[in-house]
Amino acid sequence: MEYFKLISLQGISRISEILDSICRLTNLRILDLGACHNLVVLPNGIGSLENLTHLDAGLVLDHMLKGLASLLKLQFLKGFVIGDRKSGSQCTLADLVDLKNLRKSSVSTGLRGFPTGKELTAFERFKALCKLTMARGGW
């Protein structure tokens, strides 16, 4: 199983969590979790998926883990959630600035005052970014 390059769980709405064991699939390039409507959080070890280039995290996660900042080959990130800015355990845009290959991303937040000056500065540092979609919701 360590040789899997693509896993798509798209549309499997009964999934509420992804087991940490998926993080042992170090050759994984694409992880599609789109439309997993009950998925709340990604596994803690997500950063060990060092070859991941595409991550569709859907649009219903509560927050993102700092491990995302370790995915240096990531080119596509859908469903990045900006949660409570006061929590030090959540991944922020500033944490992702080393993702030099990131070309396409979608960001969502329910926070008022988004984007802040700090967040705008982080966006400017994504030199390869060609497409950015931002959504504001009440979640």
Protein backbone atom coordinates (compact mmCIF):
# COMPACT_ATOMS: atom_id res chain seq x y z
CA MET A 1 0.00 0.00 0.00
CA GLU A 2 2.92 2.38 0.48
CA TYR A 3 3.07 2.78 -3.30
CA PHE A 4 -0.38 4.35 -3.70
CA LYS A 5 -0.15 7.62 -5.59
CA LEU A 6 -3.82 8.63 -5.55
CA ILE A 7 -6.58 8.22 -3.01
CA SER A 8 -10.01 9.65 -3.70
CA LEU A 9 -12.67 9.50 -1.02
CA GLN A 10 -14.64 12.23 -2.74
CA GLY A 11 -18.31 12.27 -1.88
CA ILE A 12 -18.17 9.68 0.90
CA SER A 13 -20.15 11.77 3.32
CA ARG A 14 -20.05 9.34 6.25
CA ILE A 15 -16.32 9.87 6.78
CA SER A 16 -15.76 11.98 9.89
CA GLU A 17 -12.02 11.43 10.26
CA ILE A 18 -9.05 10.16 8.30
CA LEU A 19 -6.89 7.72 10.23
CA ASP A 20 -3.24 8.60 10.84
CA SER A 21 -2.23 5.41 9.04
CA ILE A 22 -2.83 7.18 5.72
CA CYS A 23 0.21 9.29 6.57
CA ARG A 24 2.47 6.26 6.01
CA LEU A 25 1.71 6.45 2.29
CA THR A 26 4.76 8.57 1.56
CA ASN A 27 4.44 8.13 -2.23
CA LEU A 28 0.93 9.58 -2.23
CA ARG A 29 0.63 12.45 -4.69
CA ILE A 30 -3.12 13.16 -4.70
CA LEU A 31 -5.52 13.06 -1.76
CA ASP A 32 -9.10 13.95 -2.68
CA LEU A 33 -11.44 14.45 0.26
CA GLY A 34 -13.87 16.75 -1.54
CA ALA A 35 -17.53 16.51 -0.54
CA CYS A 36 -16.77 14.48 2.60
CA HIS A 37 -19.38 16.53 4.42
CA ASN A 38 -18.79 15.08 7.88
CA LEU A 39 -15.00 15.30 7.81
CA VAL A 40 -13.89 17.62 10.61
CA VAL A 41 -10.08 17.48 10.68
CA LEU A 42 -7.13 16.05 8.77
CA PRO A 43 -4.82 13.51 10.43
CA ASN A 44 -2.08 14.87 12.71
CA GLY A 45 0.66 13.33 10.59
CA ILE A 46 -0.44 14.98 7.32
CA GLY A 47 2.98 16.62 7.02
CA SER A 48 4.66 13.26 6.44
CA LEU A 49 3.02 12.98 3.00
CA GLU A 50 6.14 14.58 1.53
CA ASN A 51 5.29 13.81 -2.12
CA LEU A 52 1.74 15.17 -1.99
CA THR A 53 1.11 17.63 -4.83
CA HIS A 54 -2.70 17.87 -4.70
CA LEU A 55 -4.90 18.08 -1.61
CA ASP A 56 -8.63 18.66 -1.80
CA ALA A 57 -9.66 19.00 1.83
CA GLY A 58 -13.24 19.87 0.98
CA LEU A 59 -14.91 22.89 2.49
CA VAL A 60 -16.15 21.72 5.88
CA LEU A 61 -13.05 21.32 8.04
CA ASP A 62 -12.93 23.23 11.32
CA HIS A 63 -9.26 24.12 11.08
CA MET A 64 -5.99 23.18 9.43
CA LEU A 65 -3.01 21.54 11.11
CA LYS A 66 0.47 23.05 11.04
CA GLY A 67 1.72 19.88 9.33
CA LEU A 68 0.45 21.30 6.03
CA ALA A 69 3.45 23.61 6.02
CA SER A 70 5.69 20.54 5.52
CA LEU A 71 4.07 19.60 2.21
CA LEU A 72 6.72 21.38 0.14
CA LYS A 73 5.69 19.77 -3.18
CA LEU A 74 2.07 20.88 -2.83
CA GLN A 75 0.76 22.60 -5.97
CA PHE A 76 -3.01 22.49 -5.37
CA LEU A 77 -4.70 23.11 -2.03
CA LYS A 78 -8.47 23.26 -1.90
CA GLY A 79 -10.32 23.94 1.31
CA PHE A 80 -7.73 25.77 3.41
CA VAL A 81 -9.62 27.02 6.46
CA ILE A 82 -8.64 30.10 8.40
CA GLY A 83 -10.00 29.50 11.86
CA ASP A 84 -9.55 31.19 15.21
CA ARG A 85 -6.46 33.39 14.87
CA LYS A 86 -5.73 33.07 18.60
CA SER A 87 -5.08 29.34 18.49
CA GLY A 88 -1.37 28.59 18.13
CA SER A 89 -1.98 25.03 16.98
CA GLN A 90 -3.70 25.96 13.73
CA CYS A 91 -1.93 26.45 10.42
CA THR A 92 -2.00 30.01 9.12
CA LEU A 93 -1.25 31.48 5.71
CA ALA A 94 2.09 32.70 7.07
CA ASP A 95 2.96 29.08 7.94
CA LEU A 96 2.53 28.10 4.28
CA VAL A 97 4.93 30.60 2.69
CA ASP A 98 7.55 27.89 2.07
CA LEU A 99 5.17 26.12 -0.32
CA LYS A 100 7.01 27.52 -3.34
CA ASN A 101 5.14 25.26 -5.80
CA LEU A 102 1.62 26.24 -4.73
CA ARG A 103 -0.17 27.34 -7.91
CA LYS A 104 -3.86 27.03 -7.04
CA SER A 105 -5.65 27.39 -3.73
CA SER A 106 -9.01 28.06 -2.15
CA VAL A 107 -9.35 29.67 1.25
CA SER A 108 -12.43 29.92 3.44
CA THR A 109 -13.15 31.62 6.72
CA GLY A 110 -16.00 32.67 8.92
CA LEU A 111 -13.91 35.35 10.61
CA ARG A 112 -14.73 39.02 10.37
CA GLY A 113 -11.98 41.30 9.23
CA PHE A 114 -10.48 38.83 6.78
CA PRO A 115 -8.02 39.38 5.25
CA THR A 116 -5.84 41.24 7.72
CA GLY A 117 -2.69 43.04 6.66
CA LYS A 118 -0.63 40.08 7.86
CA GLU A 119 -2.70 37.70 5.73
CA LEU A 120 -2.38 39.94 2.66
CA THR A 121 1.39 40.00 3.14
CA ALA A 122 1.37 36.19 3.26
CA PHE A 123 -0.60 36.03 -0.02
CA GLU A 124 2.02 38.23 -1.69
CA ARG A 125 4.74 35.71 -0.82
CA PHE A 126 3.13 32.92 -2.88
CA LYS A 127 5.05 33.70 -6.07
CA ALA A 128 3.83 30.67 -8.07
CA LEU A 129 0.16 31.19 -7.15
CA CYS A 130 -1.91 31.58 -10.34
CA LYS A 131 -5.43 31.14 -8.97
CA LEU A 132 -6.83 31.96 -5.56
CA THR A 133 -10.46 31.59 -4.54
CA MET A 134 -11.65 33.07 -1.25
CA ALA A 135 -14.98 32.32 0.39
CA ARG A 136 -16.54 33.68 3.51
CA GLY A 137 -19.07 31.59 5.36
CA GLY A 138 -20.85 31.47 8.64
CA TRP A 139 -19.36 28.21 9.90
